[in-house]
Amino acid sequence: MPTTVKCPTCQKEVLWSKESQFKPFCSERCKLIDLGDWASEKHAIPVKPEFDPELLDSLGYEETDFFKDH
């Protein structure tokens, strides 16, 4: 039985094969709609910040003193 997936844009069934030129999308149109959504930041991969900037203040790194030569 062939594998099928749903197009992420329109939910149409797409055959997962070498002949499916735009997989997982059903068409170039759906592929470009998704690309546009990423470009306009409608989609985003959540990331955890490396550190909390407020933590620097509590550790004594004041912004006015940070760039001073000691």
C-alpha atoms as a PDB file:
ATOM      1  CA  MET A   1       0.000   0.000   0.000  1.00  0.00           C
ATOM      2  CA  PRO A   2       1.484   3.384  -1.001  1.00  0.00           C
ATOM      3  CA  THR A   3       2.244   5.918   1.700  1.00  0.00           C
ATOM      4  CA  THR A   4       0.222   9.107   1.663  1.00  0.00           C
ATOM      5  CA  VAL A   5       0.561  12.285   3.708  1.00  0.00           C
ATOM      6  CA  LYS A   6      -1.615  15.362   4.034  1.00  0.00           C
ATOM      7  CA  CYS A   7      -0.428  18.558   2.379  1.00  0.00           C
ATOM      8  CA  PRO A   8       0.564  20.896   5.245  1.00  0.00           C
ATOM      9  CA  THR A   9      -1.184  23.806   3.519  1.00  0.00           C
ATOM     10  CA  CYS A  10      -4.507  22.461   2.197  1.00  0.00           C
ATOM     11  CA  GLN A  11      -4.695  18.995   3.811  1.00  0.00           C
ATOM     12  CA  LYS A  12      -5.128  17.245   0.425  1.00  0.00           C
ATOM     13  CA  GLU A  13      -3.788  13.666   0.338  1.00  0.00           C
ATOM     14  CA  VAL A  14      -0.350  13.452  -1.330  1.00  0.00           C
ATOM     15  CA  LEU A  15       1.270  10.235  -2.507  1.00  0.00           C
ATOM     16  CA  TRP A  16       4.783   9.932  -1.012  1.00  0.00           C
ATOM     17  CA  SER A  17       6.777   8.779  -4.044  1.00  0.00           C
ATOM     18  CA  LYS A  18       9.570   9.848  -6.366  1.00  0.00           C
ATOM     19  CA  GLU A  19       6.963  11.164  -8.795  1.00  0.00           C
ATOM     20  CA  SER A  20       5.507  13.571  -6.216  1.00  0.00           C
ATOM     21  CA  GLN A  21       7.480  16.630  -7.225  1.00  0.00           C
ATOM     22  CA  PHE A  22       6.420  18.930  -4.369  1.00  0.00           C
ATOM     23  CA  LYS A  23       6.105  16.471  -1.461  1.00  0.00           C
ATOM     24  CA  PRO A  24       4.969  16.894   1.234  1.00  0.00           C
ATOM     25  CA  PHE A  25       2.958  19.594  -0.572  1.00  0.00           C
ATOM     26  CA  CYS A  26       0.385  18.787  -3.245  1.00  0.00           C
ATOM     27  CA  SER A  27       1.489  21.593  -5.571  1.00  0.00           C
ATOM     28  CA  GLU A  28       3.978  24.376  -6.090  1.00  0.00           C
ATOM     29  CA  ARG A  29       1.274  26.824  -5.014  1.00  0.00           C
ATOM     30  CA  CYS A  30       0.913  25.170  -1.578  1.00  0.00           C
ATOM     31  CA  LYS A  31       4.689  25.007  -1.234  1.00  0.00           C
ATOM     32  CA  LEU A  32       5.006  28.744  -1.936  1.00  0.00           C
ATOM     33  CA  ILE A  33       2.176  29.600   0.462  1.00  0.00           C
ATOM     34  CA  ASP A  34       4.051  27.755   3.219  1.00  0.00           C
ATOM     35  CA  LEU A  35       7.332  29.460   2.295  1.00  0.00           C
ATOM     36  CA  GLY A  36       5.585  32.833   2.469  1.00  0.00           C
ATOM     37  CA  ASP A  37       4.221  31.976   5.923  1.00  0.00           C
ATOM     38  CA  TRP A  38       7.755  31.230   7.156  1.00  0.00           C
ATOM     39  CA  ALA A  39       9.123  34.403   5.527  1.00  0.00           C
ATOM     40  CA  SER A  40       6.435  36.555   7.164  1.00  0.00           C
ATOM     41  CA  GLU A  41       7.117  34.822  10.501  1.00  0.00           C
ATOM     42  CA  LYS A  42       3.647  33.282  10.800  1.00  0.00           C
ATOM     43  CA  HIS A  43       5.581  30.100  11.654  1.00  0.00           C
ATOM     44  CA  ALA A  44       8.510  30.059  14.061  1.00  0.00           C
ATOM     45  CA  ILE A  45      10.607  27.459  15.820  1.00  0.00           C
ATOM     46  CA  PRO A  46      10.460  28.176  19.545  1.00  0.00           C
ATOM     47  CA  VAL A  47      13.822  28.633  21.200  1.00  0.00           C
ATOM     48  CA  LYS A  48      14.788  28.982  24.812  1.00  0.00           C
ATOM     49  CA  PRO A  49      16.935  32.042  25.468  1.00  0.00           C
ATOM     50  CA  GLU A  50      20.494  31.209  26.487  1.00  0.00           C
ATOM     51  CA  PHE A  51      20.254  33.489  29.504  1.00  0.00           C
ATOM     52  CA  ASP A  52      17.913  35.909  31.146  1.00  0.00           C
ATOM     53  CA  PRO A  53      19.138  39.519  30.679  1.00  0.00           C
ATOM     54  CA  GLU A  54      17.543  40.418  34.024  1.00  0.00           C
ATOM     55  CA  LEU A  55      19.911  37.933  35.665  1.00  0.00           C
ATOM     56  CA  LEU A  56      22.884  40.058  34.577  1.00  0.00           C
ATOM     57  CA  ASP A  57      21.497  43.032  36.505  1.00  0.00           C
ATOM     58  CA  SER A  58      21.026  40.934  39.619  1.00  0.00           C
ATOM     59  CA  LEU A  59      24.645  39.730  39.328  1.00  0.00           C
ATOM     60  CA  GLY A  60      25.924  43.304  39.304  1.00  0.00           C
ATOM     61  CA  TYR A  61      26.510  43.832  35.579  1.00  0.00           C
ATOM     62  CA  GLU A  62      25.102  47.304  35.200  1.00  0.00           C
ATOM     63  CA  GLU A  63      24.800  48.477  31.606  1.00  0.00           C
ATOM     64  CA  THR A  64      26.520  51.805  32.292  1.00  0.00           C
ATOM     65  CA  ASP A  65      29.548  50.031  33.794  1.00  0.00           C
ATOM     66  CA  PHE A  66      29.757  47.209  31.284  1.00  0.00           C
ATOM     67  CA  PHE A  67      31.807  49.013  28.619  1.00  0.00           C
ATOM     68  CA  LYS A  68      34.094  50.947  30.947  1.00  0.00           C
ATOM     69  CA  ASP A  69      37.808  50.170  30.860  1.00  0.00           C
ATOM     70  CA  HIS A  70      39.065  49.028  34.257  1.00  0.00           C
END
